[in-house]
């Protein structure tokens, strides 16, 4: 069972101070999962500082990887987050996955992180004691909270409260989406590439943008792009670029990916890259995934110091040029900021060979 957040403070003695500025709540589509509860309770506590004697706590359910509150009957079920740091002034994107009986309502409060009275409410989805009905018995909520009291760099906690008007088996809370900083953030991969060495081995390199709470990286290989096995491990050491030499013989096309492992057991993957068993691949460069939303991988002949990519619109307008890393067989391009549509990628290997392929942005 989880411990209460305030073990040394009597709940009744904690006085909340409402935010001075009103909160404007709008629907959003910019929710990216920040905590998935697959391997632990992610540091969440229950009940929260606003809970009363009849409130029902949430518990982490390891079987389904979610927070579950059981046996609610006309009472509140509350869950409170660890401390996070607001990363943008005046705005916070927040979301979660839920399952609850019909008629269940919810409330989200952004509160000051200091565990002492008074507790200040910086933003509130319900402007007081009013709760907002869940739109269905299951689904996802994604909101943008705009409030002048949300100042960048401030330490906060988030309180999620659910109110059921009927007895129910459980309420599920999962997949928290949150635009914050300062918590134990997962790693951010920025690129993954392969270089063939003169001795026939393969050097795999990956760039890391954010590395907090990361224990290490597993390099995984596959001959079909589906079933992967461990090909090596590198301990995290705070660097921006990591590498591993793969000494296995490439008898056929081989797929690679990197999986980080955090100290709390959570992990994520780089995009998958393909390495051919010969230096030269098909005459046409290959781009995947198709369509793509943010990051594409371009498979190409081994690059030289003069190899360059050009991204163009269908009518030939140049959007950007990207220099390829010498001696690589694939290059990744971030297309997150491009409008939806069809584009052309042209690859000049620097030796007079120019290839082109179509890129589709979803």
Protein backbone atom coordinates (compact mmCIF):
# COMPACT_ATOMS: atom_id res chain seq x y z
CA UNK A 1 0.00 0.00 0.00
CA UNK A 2 1.25 3.47 -0.75
CA UNK A 3 2.01 5.85 2.07
CA UNK A 4 0.13 9.12 2.43
CA UNK A 5 1.89 12.15 1.06
CA UNK A 6 1.64 14.09 4.33
CA UNK A 7 2.69 11.80 7.13
CA UNK A 8 3.65 14.56 9.59
CA UNK A 9 0.94 17.08 8.83
CA UNK A 10 -2.67 16.72 9.87
CA UNK A 11 -4.79 16.90 6.74
CA UNK A 12 -7.41 19.09 8.38
CA UNK A 13 -4.78 21.70 9.24
CA UNK A 14 -3.64 22.21 5.66
CA UNK A 15 -5.22 25.32 4.21
CA UNK A 16 -5.31 25.79 0.45
CA UNK A 17 -4.88 29.21 -1.08
CA UNK A 18 -6.64 29.59 -4.41
CA UNK A 19 -4.74 30.95 -7.39
CA UNK A 20 -5.13 34.66 -7.97
CA UNK A 21 -5.50 34.30 -11.73
CA UNK A 22 -8.31 32.29 -13.36
CA UNK A 23 -7.37 29.18 -15.30
CA UNK A 24 -8.39 28.93 -18.94
CA UNK A 25 -8.90 25.29 -19.90
CA UNK A 26 -8.95 24.23 -23.56
CA UNK A 27 -8.75 20.87 -25.31
CA UNK A 28 -5.36 19.94 -26.73
CA UNK A 29 -3.88 17.33 -29.05
CA UNK A 30 -0.30 17.80 -27.86
CA UNK A 31 -0.21 15.11 -25.16
CA UNK A 32 2.89 12.90 -25.12
CA UNK A 33 3.06 10.16 -22.46
CA UNK A 34 5.39 11.21 -19.64
CA UNK A 35 4.66 8.45 -17.11
CA UNK A 36 3.16 5.10 -18.16
CA UNK A 37 3.18 3.23 -14.79
CA UNK A 38 4.31 0.03 -16.53
CA UNK A 39 7.06 -0.80 -14.04
CA UNK A 40 6.31 1.17 -10.87
CA UNK A 41 4.01 3.73 -9.27
CA UNK A 42 6.34 6.43 -10.71
CA UNK A 43 6.51 8.16 -7.30
CA UNK A 44 2.79 9.00 -7.12
CA UNK A 45 1.01 9.03 -3.73
CA UNK A 46 -2.57 8.60 -2.55
CA UNK A 47 -4.67 10.11 -1.11
CA UNK A 48 -3.64 13.69 -1.74
CA UNK A 49 -3.39 16.67 0.59
CA UNK A 50 -7.03 17.51 -0.10
CA UNK A 51 -8.40 14.09 0.80
CA UNK A 52 -10.83 13.54 3.65
CA UNK A 53 -11.57 10.58 5.86
CA UNK A 54 -14.00 8.99 3.40
CA UNK A 55 -11.81 9.36 0.34
CA UNK A 56 -10.56 6.26 -1.46
CA UNK A 57 -6.87 5.82 -2.36
CA UNK A 58 -5.35 4.73 -5.64
CA UNK A 59 -2.99 1.74 -5.78
CA UNK A 60 -0.49 0.78 -8.42
CA UNK A 61 -1.55 -2.42 -10.20
CA UNK A 62 1.53 -4.18 -11.55
CA UNK A 63 -0.54 -6.64 -13.63
CA UNK A 64 -1.90 -3.94 -15.93
CA UNK A 65 0.62 -1.16 -15.30
CA UNK A 66 -1.81 1.50 -14.09
CA UNK A 67 -3.13 3.22 -10.98
CA UNK A 68 -6.41 1.70 -9.76
CA UNK A 69 -8.89 2.97 -7.15
CA UNK A 70 -11.42 0.32 -6.08
CA UNK A 71 -14.73 0.39 -4.24
CA UNK A 72 -15.71 4.02 -4.79
CA UNK A 73 -19.24 4.92 -3.69
CA UNK A 74 -20.17 8.62 -3.82
CA UNK A 75 -16.69 9.50 -2.61
CA UNK A 76 -13.52 11.03 -3.98
CA UNK A 77 -10.49 9.10 -5.17
CA UNK A 78 -7.32 11.18 -5.23
CA UNK A 79 -3.83 10.80 -6.61
CA UNK A 80 -0.93 13.22 -6.27
CA UNK A 81 2.24 13.44 -8.34
CA UNK A 82 5.88 13.84 -7.32
CA UNK A 83 7.49 17.27 -7.68
CA UNK A 84 8.01 18.59 -11.20
CA UNK A 85 9.36 21.87 -12.54
CA UNK A 86 7.23 24.08 -14.78
CA UNK A 87 9.16 24.55 -18.01
CA UNK A 88 7.04 27.18 -19.79
CA UNK A 89 5.48 30.37 -18.41
CA UNK A 90 1.70 30.60 -18.18
CA UNK A 91 0.84 27.25 -19.73
CA UNK A 92 0.84 23.53 -18.98
CA UNK A 93 -0.26 20.63 -21.18
CA UNK A 94 -1.62 17.73 -19.21
CA UNK A 95 -3.43 14.51 -20.06
CA UNK A 96 -4.22 11.01 -18.86
CA UNK A 97 -5.90 7.75 -19.81
CA UNK A 98 -8.94 6.72 -17.77
CA UNK A 99 -11.65 4.10 -17.28
CA UNK A 100 -14.54 4.85 -14.91
CA UNK A 101 -18.30 4.26 -14.51
CA UNK A 102 -20.78 6.54 -16.26
CA UNK A 103 -21.26 9.87 -14.52
CA UNK A 104 -17.79 10.04 -12.96
CA UNK A 105 -16.32 13.54 -12.69
CA UNK A 106 -12.73 14.70 -12.34
CA UNK A 107 -10.68 17.67 -11.21
CA UNK A 108 -7.00 18.55 -11.75
CA UNK A 109 -5.16 21.01 -9.54
CA UNK A 110 -1.62 22.31 -9.98
CA UNK A 111 -0.36 23.07 -6.47
CA UNK A 112 2.80 24.43 -4.90
CA UNK A 113 5.32 21.72 -4.09
CA UNK A 114 6.15 22.91 -0.56
CA UNK A 115 4.60 20.54 1.99
CA UNK A 116 3.48 23.10 4.53
CA UNK A 117 0.41 25.24 5.09
CA UNK A 118 -0.83 27.12 3.23
CA UNK A 119 -0.76 25.12 0.00
CA UNK A 120 -1.24 27.39 -3.00
CA UNK A 121 -3.40 26.28 -5.93
CA UNK A 122 -1.71 27.63 -9.05
CA UNK A 123 -4.19 26.31 -11.62
CA UNK A 124 -7.45 24.42 -11.50
CA UNK A 125 -9.48 22.69 -14.21
CA UNK A 126 -12.72 23.29 -12.30
CA UNK A 127 -12.39 26.75 -10.69
CA UNK A 128 -13.33 25.71 -7.18
CA UNK A 129 -15.21 22.66 -5.96
CA UNK A 130 -16.95 22.07 -9.31
CA UNK A 131 -15.93 18.88 -11.10
CA UNK A 132 -15.86 18.19 -14.85
CA UNK A 133 -17.69 15.09 -16.18
CA UNK A 134 -15.54 12.53 -17.96
CA UNK A 135 -16.68 12.44 -21.61
CA UNK A 136 -17.04 8.62 -21.66
CA UNK A 137 -16.51 5.53 -19.56
CA UNK A 138 -12.99 5.18 -20.97
CA UNK A 139 -10.62 7.18 -23.14
CA UNK A 140 -8.01 9.95 -22.95
CA UNK A 141 -8.15 13.50 -21.63
CA UNK A 142 -5.75 16.07 -23.13
CA UNK A 143 -5.92 19.66 -21.88
CA UNK A 144 -4.02 22.92 -22.07
CA UNK A 145 -4.10 24.98 -18.86
CA UNK A 146 -3.35 28.68 -19.24
CA UNK A 147 -2.82 30.62 -16.02
CA UNK A 148 -0.57 33.56 -15.09
CA UNK A 149 0.30 31.80 -11.81
CA UNK A 150 2.14 29.07 -13.74
CA UNK A 151 5.62 30.58 -13.73
CA UNK A 152 8.56 28.88 -15.42
CA UNK A 153 10.98 27.20 -13.03
CA UNK A 154 8.47 26.77 -10.20
CA UNK A 155 8.29 23.43 -8.39
CA UNK A 156 4.79 21.97 -8.36
CA UNK A 157 2.75 18.85 -7.74
CA UNK A 158 -0.40 17.77 -9.54
CA UNK A 159 -3.52 16.50 -7.82
CA UNK A 160 -6.00 14.31 -9.72
CA UNK A 161 -9.37 13.78 -8.01
CA UNK A 162 -12.27 11.66 -9.27
CA UNK A 163 -15.83 11.71 -7.92
CA UNK A 164 -18.14 8.75 -8.66
CA UNK A 165 -21.87 8.97 -8.02
CA UNK A 166 -22.35 5.22 -7.93
CA UNK A 167 -20.63 2.21 -6.47
CA UNK A 168 -18.06 0.86 -8.89
CA UNK A 169 -15.45 -1.83 -9.14
CA UNK A 170 -12.61 0.56 -9.94
CA UNK A 171 -11.39 3.73 -11.57
CA UNK A 172 -8.28 3.48 -13.73
CA UNK A 173 -5.65 6.23 -14.19
CA UNK A 174 -2.78 5.69 -16.65
CA UNK A 175 -0.43 7.26 -19.23
CA UNK A 176 0.13 10.66 -17.71
CA UNK A 177 1.05 13.26 -20.32
CA UNK A 178 2.80 16.34 -18.99
CA UNK A 179 4.91 19.22 -20.34
CA UNK A 180 7.27 19.78 -17.41
CA UNK A 181 10.95 19.59 -16.55
CA UNK A 182 13.06 18.67 -13.60
CA UNK A 183 11.60 15.24 -12.97
CA UNK A 184 13.38 11.98 -13.80
CA UNK A 185 12.89 12.46 -17.54
CA UNK A 186 13.43 9.56 -19.93
CA UNK A 187 16.23 9.76 -22.45
CA UNK A 188 15.73 11.74 -25.65
CA UNK A 189 17.29 10.07 -28.69
CA UNK A 190 18.32 12.44 -31.48
CA UNK A 191 19.85 10.09 -34.02
CA UNK A 192 21.05 6.55 -34.72
CA UNK A 193 23.48 5.53 -37.49
CA UNK A 194 25.90 2.79 -38.53
CA UNK A 195 29.43 2.92 -39.97
CA UNK A 196 31.21 -0.02 -41.59
CA UNK A 197 34.81 -0.39 -40.45
CA UNK A 198 37.67 -1.56 -42.68
CA UNK A 199 37.98 -4.81 -40.71
CA UNK A 200 34.37 -5.75 -41.49
CA UNK A 201 32.95 -4.79 -38.11
CA UNK A 202 30.13 -2.28 -37.71
CA UNK A 203 30.22 0.82 -35.51
CA UNK A 204 26.79 1.83 -34.23
CA UNK A 205 26.42 5.40 -32.96
CA UNK A 206 23.50 7.16 -31.28
CA UNK A 207 23.05 10.77 -30.16
CA UNK A 208 21.40 11.60 -26.83
CA UNK A 209 19.74 14.96 -26.22
CA UNK A 210 18.41 14.41 -22.69
CA UNK A 211 19.81 11.81 -20.31
CA UNK A 212 18.38 11.77 -16.78
CA UNK A 213 17.90 8.69 -14.62
CA UNK A 214 19.36 6.48 -17.38
CA UNK A 215 21.27 3.35 -16.34
CA UNK A 216 22.48 2.22 -19.76
CA UNK A 217 21.74 1.25 -23.36
CA UNK A 218 21.12 -2.12 -24.98
CA UNK A 219 21.91 -2.48 -28.67
CA UNK A 220 19.55 -5.02 -30.24
CA UNK A 221 19.78 -6.78 -33.62
CA UNK A 222 17.32 -8.64 -35.82
CA UNK A 223 17.27 -10.36 -39.20
CA UNK A 224 13.57 -9.69 -39.82
CA UNK A 225 12.97 -6.34 -38.14
CA UNK A 226 10.51 -7.91 -35.67
CA UNK A 227 12.33 -10.32 -33.36
CA UNK A 228 15.29 -8.61 -31.67
CA UNK A 229 18.07 -10.02 -29.50
CA UNK A 230 20.67 -8.31 -27.33
CA UNK A 231 23.85 -7.46 -29.26
CA UNK A 232 25.66 -5.41 -26.62
CA UNK A 233 25.36 -3.04 -23.68
CA UNK A 234 26.83 0.40 -22.92
CA UNK A 235 26.67 2.01 -19.47
CA UNK A 236 25.27 5.56 -19.39
CA UNK A 237 27.91 8.14 -18.49
CA UNK A 238 26.40 11.53 -19.31
CA UNK A 239 27.77 11.77 -22.83
CA UNK A 240 25.92 13.15 -25.86
CA UNK A 241 27.20 10.48 -28.29
CA UNK A 242 27.51 6.76 -27.58
CA UNK A 243 28.84 3.95 -29.76
CA UNK A 244 29.22 0.19 -29.83
CA UNK A 245 31.25 -1.97 -32.21
CA UNK A 246 29.21 -4.88 -33.56
CA UNK A 247 31.56 -7.74 -34.48
CA UNK A 248 28.97 -10.18 -35.78
CA UNK A 249 29.20 -11.16 -39.45
CA UNK A 250 26.56 -9.49 -41.65
CA UNK A 251 25.55 -12.41 -43.85
CA UNK A 252 22.30 -10.70 -44.74
CA UNK A 253 20.42 -7.46 -44.17
CA UNK A 254 20.37 -6.82 -40.41
CA UNK A 255 18.16 -4.49 -38.39
CA UNK A 256 19.37 -2.60 -35.33
CA UNK A 257 17.83 -0.48 -32.60
CA UNK A 258 18.91 0.90 -29.21
CA UNK A 259 16.87 0.54 -26.03
CA UNK A 260 17.67 2.62 -22.98
CA UNK A 261 17.02 1.25 -19.50
CA UNK A 262 16.29 3.69 -16.66
CA UNK A 263 17.00 3.09 -12.98
CA UNK A 264 13.24 2.75 -12.42
CA UNK A 265 13.03 0.03 -15.09
CA UNK A 266 11.34 2.11 -17.81
CA UNK A 267 12.75 2.26 -21.33
CA UNK A 268 12.25 3.53 -24.87
CA UNK A 269 13.65 2.74 -28.33
CA UNK A 270 15.42 4.53 -31.13
CA UNK A 271 14.01 4.14 -34.63
CA UNK A 272 15.08 0.92 -36.37
CA UNK A 273 17.86 1.13 -38.96
CA UNK A 274 18.81 -1.40 -41.65
CA UNK A 275 22.36 -2.38 -42.57
CA UNK A 276 22.98 -4.31 -45.78
CA UNK A 277 25.55 -7.06 -46.12
CA UNK A 278 27.30 -5.18 -48.91
CA UNK A 279 28.48 -1.59 -49.23
CA UNK A 280 26.24 -0.85 -52.19
CA UNK A 281 22.49 -1.16 -51.86
CA UNK A 282 19.79 -0.79 -54.48
CA UNK A 283 20.24 2.12 -56.87
CA UNK A 284 17.34 3.97 -55.26
CA UNK A 285 17.56 5.38 -51.73
CA UNK A 286 14.91 4.14 -49.31
CA UNK A 287 12.95 6.22 -46.79
CA UNK A 288 10.97 4.87 -43.85
CA UNK A 289 8.57 4.93 -42.12
CA UNK A 290 5.97 5.81 -44.75
CA UNK A 291 4.17 8.00 -43.93
CA UNK A 292 6.21 9.69 -41.20
CA UNK A 293 5.28 12.23 -38.54
CA UNK A 294 8.50 13.45 -36.93
CA UNK A 295 11.63 11.44 -37.77
CA UNK A 296 12.52 9.60 -41.00
CA UNK A 297 15.44 7.28 -41.72
CA UNK A 298 17.05 7.37 -45.16
CA UNK A 299 18.89 4.22 -46.26
CA UNK A 300 21.61 5.04 -48.82
CA UNK A 301 24.97 4.01 -50.27
CA UNK A 302 27.97 4.55 -48.04
CA UNK A 303 28.43 8.29 -47.70
CA UNK A 304 31.59 10.29 -48.27
CA UNK A 305 32.82 13.57 -46.82
CA UNK A 306 30.97 15.40 -49.62
CA UNK A 307 27.63 13.56 -49.41
CA UNK A 308 24.63 15.83 -48.95
CA UNK A 309 20.85 15.51 -48.77
CA UNK A 310 18.45 18.10 -50.13
CA UNK A 311 14.81 18.25 -49.03
CA UNK A 312 12.54 19.84 -51.63
CA UNK A 313 8.89 20.61 -52.24
CA UNK A 314 7.21 18.92 -55.26
CA UNK A 315 7.74 22.10 -57.29
CA UNK A 316 11.50 22.09 -56.60
CA UNK A 317 11.75 24.64 -53.77
CA UNK A 318 14.64 23.79 -51.42
CA UNK A 319 13.60 23.46 -47.78
CA UNK A 320 16.86 22.35 -46.19
CA UNK A 321 20.23 20.72 -46.86
CA UNK A 322 21.73 18.09 -44.58
CA UNK A 323 25.32 16.88 -44.72
CA UNK A 324 25.64 13.12 -44.27
CA UNK A 325 28.05 11.72 -41.70
CA UNK A 326 30.93 10.16 -43.67
CA UNK A 327 30.99 6.35 -44.01
CA UNK A 328 27.38 5.88 -42.86
CA UNK A 329 24.64 3.90 -44.55
CA UNK A 330 21.65 5.76 -43.16
CA UNK A 331 20.74 9.27 -42.14
CA UNK A 332 17.87 10.54 -40.00
CA UNK A 333 16.02 13.79 -40.66
CA UNK A 334 13.58 15.52 -38.31
CA UNK A 335 10.46 16.62 -40.23
CA UNK A 336 8.33 17.49 -37.22
CA UNK A 337 7.90 21.12 -38.31
CA UNK A 338 6.96 20.36 -41.92
CA UNK A 339 3.32 20.74 -43.03
CA UNK A 340 1.50 17.56 -44.04
CA UNK A 341 2.22 16.65 -47.65
CA UNK A 342 4.58 15.02 -50.15
CA UNK A 343 8.24 16.02 -50.44
CA UNK A 344 11.30 14.96 -52.43
CA UNK A 345 14.61 13.88 -50.92
CA UNK A 346 17.67 14.09 -53.19
CA UNK A 347 20.92 12.37 -52.22
CA UNK A 348 24.22 13.39 -53.79
CA UNK A 349 26.95 11.00 -52.65
CA UNK A 350 29.65 13.49 -53.63
CA UNK A 351 31.00 11.26 -56.41
CA UNK A 352 28.58 12.24 -59.16
CA UNK A 353 25.83 9.78 -58.22
CA UNK A 354 22.50 11.47 -57.41
CA UNK A 355 19.42 9.54 -56.24
CA UNK A 356 15.94 10.71 -55.27
CA UNK A 357 12.98 9.33 -53.34
CA UNK A 358 9.58 10.51 -52.18
CA UNK A 359 8.90 11.45 -48.56
CA UNK A 360 5.36 11.58 -47.16
CA UNK A 361 4.67 13.71 -44.05
CA UNK A 362 1.55 12.67 -42.15
